[in-house]
Each structure stands twice: as C-alpha cells, then as structure tokens.
Amino acid sequence: MNAVAVRRFVVVAMVYPAIVVAAAVTAQLILLPSMPSTVAVHWNAAGVADGFAPAWLPPVLTAALGYGVPLLMALTSLSGLRRGDRGPTYRFMGAMAAAVSTLIAMLMTWTYAAQAGTTGHDATVSIWPVLVVSFAAAVVIGVIAWSVQPANRREPAVPAPAQPLDLAAHEQAVWLRTATLRSAGAIAITAISIVLVLVAVGCWFAGAPVEVAWVVTGVAVLVAAIAAMTVAFRVRVDATGLHVVSVAGLPRFAVPIADVASASAVEVTAMGEFGGWGLRKALDGRFGVILRSGPALEVARRDGRRFVVTVDDATTAAGLLETFAQRRAGG
C-alpha cells in the first residue's frame, strides 16, 4: 500500500504539475512574438489592470511559480511517505500541488493570451471571469488528485504510562532539555525571514506604493516573530509539572502536576500525525510543540486532553513526571 501511495503522490504532485506547466509555458512562448513589449500582470479589485511588466516575464513566472511551489510542497512530503509515514496531510499536499499548478498555469496563460495583438496598456482583460474559471478548475483537479490517492491513514497507538523513576519520598529532581527545530527547518525559516526583510527594505527605498511597503513590512515582521518564537523551546519537568517555554519568552505552555493523569515517551511523525512543524493540533485532538519527527513526551491530562512536545531523552522526562504525579496522588 505504501508503494502505491508514493507512486500516486508523485504522479499528482510532481508529474502532473510538470506536464500542465510545460504546456502553459509552451503556449505562452508561441504567443510571445505577437505580444506587446509590455503586458498587464496585476489587476485591482475592480478588475482593472494596474501593474505591467515585460512580455517575457509571465512565461518565467509561470514556470517558476507554477512548478516551483508544487515541487516544494511535494519534496516536503515525499521523504516521509517513502519512510512509511501515514496521514491525510500527505494526501492533502498532493492534491494541493496539483491544484496550485492548475490555477497558476491557467490564470497566467489565459490573461497572457488575451493580450496578444494589443499594445499592452490598452489591454481589456477582465480578470474576474478568468479567476473564477481558473479557481473552479483548480478545485476540480484538486478533488480528483485527492481521490486517486489512497487514504493510507495512520492510527497512532495509545501510549502506555512511563515507569516511575526510583526516587525516595523526600528526594527532588529536575529534568531540563532544549527542544529545537530540525536544522533544515531552522535554515529555511531564517532564510525566508532574511529575504522578506530585504524585500521590505527594498520596497521603502525603491519608492514602492506605501500600502505595498507596509504590507510587505508587516509580513516580514510577522514571519520573523514567528521564527523567533518557534525555533527552540526550553522543556522542564519538576515537582510542579511540565513547563515548555519558547526561548523568546512566548509562547509558553504548562501542565500542572495536579492535572497530569499519565506521562509517556512516544515516537511521532511531524507530517503524518500533526501535518507539519510548529504549534500543531492533530486530527485526534492532541496539541503539541512539534519541532521534528522522533522521540516526544506526551502528557495525558485528567480531562482527557493530551499535550506533546518533541524532545530528546523523553523517556526520562516521562518517568520523572509520572513519579511526581503518583507521589501527589499518594501512590
């Protein structure tokens, strides 16, 4: 079943986007000799063209975005699928890759072809019908891509409580670790943050519209803040319970010892079970700080909720937390 899932994922997320984008770029290159030197590439909310670029740019953007974005989505998921991971996230990413390539290829080619034979700035392309039809086509392709992939859902096992550590009744102990985002993820987030900051600075110095400059600056600040808050967390287990705090100070999470029903060391897959990395909620209701796949500490609360944090030496952390929980309960 896993081999089938991998093959069909590759078809919908990599092969299909390559074919549809290649067809779109080919059509645009055929039209290039009949295009004006400058073509409309952006429209305002009223559907009026308000942004223009050289005629060679749309084919380049179609290739870069139409295949680059789906390829990034595919590569993010493919390694996990090949390892045998399960979960609806992989199926969704495959469907989204196919849908995105369809949307970009159709939208870019339609608006490009509509301007053939014009002088560029007199283009009368109405963007809304193009958007509606392209989006509808993308939805249909996305549904088809979802349907052809096997469900392949992973059902996580119910973890058994950890063995308490051998501590005397009067003894105290503290367990400390730092949970960090996997190297590739940290590098990617840092690179994206730097690029966005540079783009924001460029917008201000290049004389871009103030509204655009503010939007880009806001996005850059938001991404940088999220990166700072989620790249690493300090994890502490002591007699008061579990404490998980970002190295930036926020966000912070705590499970008081009075609320601990049980603690377990588990193995998690970030994509398969939680749909990615960061602060995540799984389909089965678990919430956690998921910075990578691998060992994790899972705490079951007395109200049935479960909290998970990926961290090394989770077995010791779970054992110590179980020790304090049983001690408080008088066990």
Protein backbone atom coordinates (compact mmCIF):
# COMPACT_ATOMS: atom_id res chain seq x y z
CA MET A 1 0.00 0.00 0.00
CA ASN A 2 2.83 2.41 0.79
CA ALA A 3 4.40 1.90 -2.66
CA VAL A 4 1.05 2.73 -4.26
CA ALA A 5 0.73 5.85 -2.11
CA VAL A 6 4.21 7.05 -3.11
CA ARG A 7 3.65 6.42 -6.83
CA ARG A 8 0.30 8.18 -6.94
CA PHE A 9 1.61 11.07 -4.86
CA VAL A 10 4.49 11.54 -7.31
CA VAL A 11 2.06 11.50 -10.25
CA VAL A 12 -0.32 14.13 -8.85
CA ALA A 13 2.24 16.32 -7.07
CA MET A 14 5.20 16.22 -9.49
CA VAL A 15 4.40 14.63 -12.86
CA TYR A 16 1.04 16.32 -13.45
CA PRO A 17 2.30 19.82 -12.46
CA ALA A 18 5.32 19.38 -14.75
CA ILE A 19 3.07 18.49 -17.69
CA VAL A 20 0.49 21.25 -17.18
CA VAL A 21 3.12 23.94 -16.56
CA ALA A 22 5.20 22.84 -19.55
CA ALA A 23 2.09 23.09 -21.74
CA ALA A 24 1.29 26.56 -20.37
CA VAL A 25 4.82 27.87 -20.86
CA THR A 26 4.96 26.42 -24.38
CA ALA A 27 1.69 28.15 -25.29
CA GLN A 28 2.99 31.46 -23.93
CA LEU A 29 6.27 31.17 -25.81
CA ILE A 30 4.35 30.52 -29.04
CA LEU A 31 2.37 33.71 -28.39
CA LEU A 32 5.45 35.76 -27.46
CA PRO A 33 6.15 37.15 -30.97
CA SER A 34 2.61 38.57 -31.12
CA MET A 35 2.71 40.12 -27.67
CA PRO A 36 3.23 43.82 -26.94
CA SER A 37 6.52 44.72 -25.28
CA THR A 38 4.69 45.36 -22.01
CA VAL A 39 1.78 43.28 -20.68
CA ALA A 40 -0.58 43.57 -17.74
CA VAL A 41 0.35 41.30 -14.86
CA HIS A 42 -1.72 42.72 -11.99
CA TRP A 43 -5.31 43.87 -11.59
CA ASN A 44 -7.04 45.83 -8.82
CA ALA A 45 -10.22 44.85 -7.00
CA ALA A 46 -12.30 46.43 -9.76
CA GLY A 47 -10.67 44.12 -12.29
CA VAL A 48 -8.69 46.92 -13.95
CA ALA A 49 -5.07 46.30 -14.88
CA ASP A 50 -2.76 48.39 -12.69
CA GLY A 51 0.57 46.56 -12.97
CA PHE A 52 2.66 45.91 -16.09
CA ALA A 53 5.84 44.00 -16.92
CA PRO A 54 7.95 42.93 -19.91
CA ALA A 55 6.26 40.33 -22.12
CA TRP A 56 8.93 37.72 -21.33
CA LEU A 57 8.17 37.78 -17.60
CA PRO A 58 4.83 35.83 -17.48
CA PRO A 59 6.35 32.65 -19.01
CA VAL A 60 9.19 32.85 -16.49
CA LEU A 61 6.76 33.36 -13.59
CA THR A 62 4.53 30.55 -14.83
CA ALA A 63 7.47 28.15 -14.83
CA ALA A 64 8.91 29.36 -11.51
CA LEU A 65 5.65 29.56 -9.54
CA GLY A 66 3.57 27.01 -11.41
CA TYR A 67 6.10 24.24 -10.83
CA GLY A 68 8.30 25.66 -8.07
CA VAL A 69 5.51 25.91 -5.48
CA PRO A 70 4.08 22.40 -6.14
CA LEU A 71 7.60 20.97 -6.20
CA LEU A 72 8.35 22.49 -2.80
CA MET A 73 5.11 21.02 -1.43
CA ALA A 74 5.97 17.63 -2.91
CA LEU A 75 9.53 17.49 -1.64
CA THR A 76 8.35 18.48 1.85
CA SER A 77 6.18 15.38 1.96
CA LEU A 78 7.87 12.78 -0.24
CA SER A 79 10.62 11.76 2.17
CA GLY A 80 8.09 10.99 4.89
CA LEU A 81 5.94 8.92 2.57
CA ARG A 82 8.96 6.91 1.47
CA ARG A 83 9.81 6.21 5.12
CA GLY A 84 6.37 4.69 5.53
CA ASP A 85 4.65 7.58 7.30
CA ARG A 86 0.88 7.78 7.08
CA GLY A 87 -1.70 10.50 7.47
CA PRO A 88 -4.15 12.64 5.46
CA THR A 89 -1.66 15.53 5.32
CA TYR A 90 0.34 13.75 2.61
CA ARG A 91 -2.78 13.20 0.54
CA PHE A 92 -3.81 16.83 1.00
CA MET A 93 -0.38 18.12 -0.02
CA GLY A 94 -0.51 16.06 -3.21
CA ALA A 95 -3.96 17.41 -4.05
CA MET A 96 -2.88 20.98 -3.31
CA ALA A 97 0.22 20.66 -5.52
CA ALA A 98 -1.93 19.59 -8.45
CA ALA A 99 -4.49 22.33 -7.78
CA VAL A 100 -1.90 25.11 -7.44
CA SER A 101 -0.17 24.19 -10.69
CA THR A 102 -3.54 24.19 -12.47
CA LEU A 103 -4.52 27.57 -11.05
CA ILE A 104 -1.26 29.31 -11.93
CA ALA A 105 -0.89 27.74 -15.38
CA MET A 106 -4.46 28.52 -16.40
CA LEU A 107 -4.57 32.02 -14.92
CA MET A 108 -1.24 33.13 -16.37
CA THR A 109 -1.84 31.64 -19.83
CA TRP A 110 -5.40 32.97 -20.18
CA THR A 111 -4.51 36.54 -19.22
CA TYR A 112 -1.40 36.38 -21.41
CA ALA A 113 -3.24 35.09 -24.48
CA ALA A 114 -5.98 37.71 -24.10
CA GLN A 115 -3.38 40.44 -24.62
CA ALA A 116 -1.93 39.08 -27.87
CA GLY A 117 -2.14 41.66 -30.62
CA THR A 118 -2.78 44.60 -28.27
CA THR A 119 -0.46 47.48 -27.46
CA GLY A 120 -0.13 46.45 -23.80
CA HIS A 121 -1.65 49.31 -21.83
CA ASP A 122 -4.88 49.15 -23.81
CA ALA A 123 -5.49 45.56 -22.71
CA THR A 124 -9.12 44.99 -21.75
CA VAL A 125 -8.74 41.67 -19.96
CA SER A 126 -11.45 41.22 -17.34
CA ILE A 127 -9.71 39.38 -14.53
CA TRP A 128 -12.74 38.16 -12.55
CA PRO A 129 -14.10 35.62 -15.08
CA VAL A 130 -10.54 34.32 -15.51
CA LEU A 131 -10.11 34.00 -11.75
CA VAL A 132 -13.44 32.25 -11.23
CA VAL A 133 -12.93 29.70 -14.01
CA SER A 134 -9.27 29.07 -13.08
CA PHE A 135 -10.14 28.59 -9.42
CA ALA A 136 -13.02 26.24 -10.30
CA ALA A 137 -10.69 24.19 -12.49
CA ALA A 138 -8.12 24.05 -9.69
CA VAL A 139 -10.77 22.79 -7.24
CA VAL A 140 -11.87 20.07 -9.65
CA ILE A 141 -8.28 18.93 -10.25
CA GLY A 142 -7.58 19.04 -6.51
CA VAL A 143 -10.59 16.81 -5.79
CA ILE A 144 -9.50 14.35 -8.50
CA ALA A 145 -5.92 14.32 -7.17
CA TRP A 146 -7.25 13.67 -3.64
CA SER A 147 -9.49 10.85 -4.89
CA VAL A 148 -6.82 8.93 -6.81
CA GLN A 149 -4.52 8.74 -3.77
CA PRO A 150 -5.15 6.00 -1.18
CA ALA A 151 -6.45 7.12 2.21
CA ASN A 152 -3.48 5.47 3.94
CA ARG A 153 -4.32 6.93 7.35
CA ARG A 154 -2.08 6.23 10.31
CA GLU A 155 -3.72 5.43 13.62
CA PRO A 156 -1.32 6.29 16.46
CA ALA A 157 -1.09 3.72 19.22
CA VAL A 158 -2.34 4.61 22.67
CA PRO A 159 0.86 5.13 24.70
CA ALA A 160 1.46 3.27 27.94
CA PRO A 161 2.40 5.36 31.01
CA ALA A 162 6.13 5.53 31.68
CA GLN A 163 7.79 3.67 34.52
CA PRO A 164 8.29 5.99 37.52
CA LEU A 165 11.87 6.74 38.46
CA ASP A 166 13.35 5.32 41.64
CA LEU A 167 13.19 8.38 43.89
CA ALA A 168 12.81 8.32 47.66
CA ALA A 169 9.79 10.14 49.07
CA HIS A 170 11.92 13.09 50.25
CA GLU A 171 14.03 13.34 47.08
CA GLN A 172 13.51 16.02 44.45
CA ALA A 173 14.74 16.14 40.85
CA VAL A 174 14.59 18.44 37.86
CA TRP A 175 14.86 17.46 34.20
CA LEU A 176 15.85 20.11 31.63
CA ARG A 177 16.26 19.98 27.87
CA THR A 178 16.09 22.35 24.91
CA ALA A 179 13.89 21.24 22.02
CA THR A 180 14.98 22.72 18.70
CA LEU A 181 13.56 22.80 15.21
CA ARG A 182 15.31 20.39 12.87
CA SER A 183 18.25 22.00 11.07
CA ALA A 184 16.63 22.16 7.62
CA GLY A 185 13.54 23.84 9.04
CA ALA A 186 15.55 26.37 11.04
CA ILE A 187 17.64 27.25 7.99
CA ALA A 188 14.53 27.61 5.81
CA ILE A 189 12.73 29.85 8.30
CA THR A 190 15.81 32.01 8.81
CA ALA A 191 16.37 32.34 5.06
CA ILE A 192 12.73 33.28 4.44
CA SER A 193 12.87 35.87 7.23
CA ILE A 194 16.03 37.45 5.82
CA VAL A 195 14.62 37.57 2.29
CA LEU A 196 11.39 39.18 3.48
CA VAL A 197 13.30 41.79 5.48
CA LEU A 198 15.44 42.61 2.44
CA VAL A 199 12.34 42.87 0.23
CA ALA A 200 10.68 45.17 2.77
CA VAL A 201 13.74 47.43 2.89
CA GLY A 202 13.86 47.42 -0.89
CA CYS A 203 10.20 48.46 -1.12
CA TRP A 204 10.83 51.52 1.06
CA PHE A 205 13.99 52.63 -0.75
CA ALA A 206 12.75 51.81 -4.26
CA GLY A 207 9.70 54.03 -3.95
CA ALA A 208 7.06 51.29 -3.98
CA PRO A 209 3.49 52.33 -3.07
CA VAL A 210 3.23 52.99 0.66
CA GLU A 211 0.45 50.42 1.06
CA VAL A 212 2.58 47.71 -0.54
CA ALA A 213 5.62 48.66 1.54
CA TRP A 214 3.61 48.46 4.77
CA VAL A 215 2.07 45.10 3.84
CA VAL A 216 5.48 43.61 2.98
CA THR A 217 6.98 45.05 6.16
CA GLY A 218 4.14 43.63 8.25
CA VAL A 219 4.59 40.18 6.72
CA ALA A 220 8.36 40.35 7.30
CA VAL A 221 7.91 41.32 10.95
CA LEU A 222 5.27 38.62 11.47
CA VAL A 223 7.40 35.87 9.93
CA ALA A 224 10.47 36.99 11.89
CA ALA A 225 8.45 36.98 15.13
CA ILE A 226 7.05 33.52 14.44
CA ALA A 227 10.55 32.25 13.65
CA ALA A 228 11.93 33.66 16.90
CA MET A 229 9.09 32.19 18.94
CA THR A 230 9.06 28.68 17.46
CA VAL A 231 12.65 27.79 16.59
CA ALA A 232 13.50 26.47 20.08
CA PHE A 233 11.77 25.71 23.40
CA ARG A 234 13.09 25.03 26.89
CA VAL A 235 11.43 21.98 28.42
CA ARG A 236 11.37 21.49 32.19
CA VAL A 237 9.94 18.74 34.35
CA ASP A 238 9.89 19.16 38.13
CA ALA A 239 7.59 18.63 41.08
CA THR A 240 5.25 21.37 39.82
CA GLY A 241 4.66 19.68 36.46
CA LEU A 242 5.70 20.19 32.83
CA HIS A 243 6.79 23.60 31.54
CA VAL A 244 7.51 24.33 27.84
CA VAL A 245 8.68 27.88 27.12
CA SER A 246 9.94 29.42 23.88
CA VAL A 247 13.47 30.80 24.06
CA ALA A 248 11.84 34.11 23.06
CA GLY A 249 9.71 34.00 26.23
CA LEU A 250 6.44 33.46 24.39
CA PRO A 251 4.55 31.27 23.78
CA ARG A 252 4.68 29.18 26.94
CA PHE A 253 2.75 26.10 27.98
CA ALA A 254 2.40 24.29 31.28
CA VAL A 255 0.70 21.17 32.59
CA PRO A 256 0.42 21.43 36.41
CA ILE A 257 1.26 18.23 38.25
CA ALA A 258 -2.30 18.13 39.63
CA ASP A 259 -3.55 17.91 36.04
CA VAL A 260 -1.25 15.05 34.97
CA ALA A 261 -3.10 11.76 34.53
CA SER A 262 -0.12 9.98 32.93
CA ALA A 263 3.10 10.67 31.05
CA SER A 264 4.58 8.64 28.20
CA ALA A 265 7.54 8.62 25.85
CA VAL A 266 6.32 8.24 22.27
CA GLU A 267 7.58 8.42 18.68
CA VAL A 268 5.81 10.94 16.45
CA THR A 269 5.92 11.84 12.77
CA ALA A 270 5.52 15.58 12.27
CA MET A 271 3.82 15.47 8.86
CA GLY A 272 1.94 12.20 9.22
CA GLU A 273 0.38 12.87 12.62
CA PHE A 274 0.44 16.65 13.02
CA GLY A 275 0.51 17.96 9.47
CA GLY A 276 3.80 19.81 9.83
CA TRP A 277 6.06 21.57 12.30
CA GLY A 278 5.48 24.22 14.95
CA LEU A 279 2.49 24.57 17.26
CA ARG A 280 0.21 21.88 15.86
CA LYS A 281 -3.04 20.09 16.58
CA ALA A 282 -3.51 16.54 15.34
CA LEU A 283 -6.77 15.19 13.94
CA ASP A 284 -7.15 13.03 17.05
CA GLY A 285 -7.17 16.14 19.26
CA ARG A 286 -3.59 16.11 20.54
CA PHE A 287 -1.92 19.52 20.73
CA GLY A 288 1.80 19.97 20.81
CA VAL A 289 5.08 21.70 20.14
CA ILE A 290 6.22 19.64 17.17
CA LEU A 291 9.68 20.66 16.02
CA ARG A 292 10.72 17.41 14.32
CA SER A 293 9.81 13.76 13.95
CA GLY A 294 11.15 11.36 16.56
CA PRO A 295 11.02 10.99 20.35
CA ALA A 296 8.47 13.05 22.23
CA LEU A 297 6.97 13.48 25.67
CA GLU A 298 3.21 13.03 25.74
CA VAL A 299 1.17 14.05 28.76
CA ALA A 300 -2.42 12.95 29.24
CA ARG A 301 -4.43 15.46 31.28
CA ARG A 302 -7.17 14.44 33.67
CA ASP A 303 -9.80 15.97 31.41
CA GLY A 304 -8.70 13.75 28.50
CA ARG A 305 -6.66 16.29 26.55
CA ARG A 306 -3.13 15.34 25.50
CA PHE A 307 -0.09 17.58 25.12
CA VAL A 308 3.00 16.54 23.13
CA VAL A 309 6.46 18.08 22.84
CA THR A 310 9.22 16.59 20.69
CA VAL A 311 12.38 16.40 22.77
CA ASP A 312 15.38 14.14 23.31
CA ASP A 313 15.51 11.84 26.34
CA ALA A 314 11.72 11.82 26.53
CA THR A 315 11.79 8.53 28.44
CA THR A 316 13.50 10.12 31.45
CA ALA A 317 11.18 13.13 31.33
CA ALA A 318 8.09 10.90 31.21
CA GLY A 319 9.37 8.73 34.07
CA LEU A 320 10.08 11.74 36.29
CA LEU A 321 6.71 13.33 35.55
CA GLU A 322 4.99 10.02 36.29
CA THR A 323 6.91 9.82 39.58
CA PHE A 324 5.72 13.26 40.71
CA ALA A 325 2.14 12.59 39.54
CA GLN A 326 1.93 9.36 41.50
CA ARG A 327 3.59 10.95 44.52
CA ARG A 328 0.99 13.72 44.57
CA ALA A 329 -1.81 11.18 44.19
CA GLY A 330 -0.39 9.27 47.13
CA GLY A 331 0.65 6.29 45.02
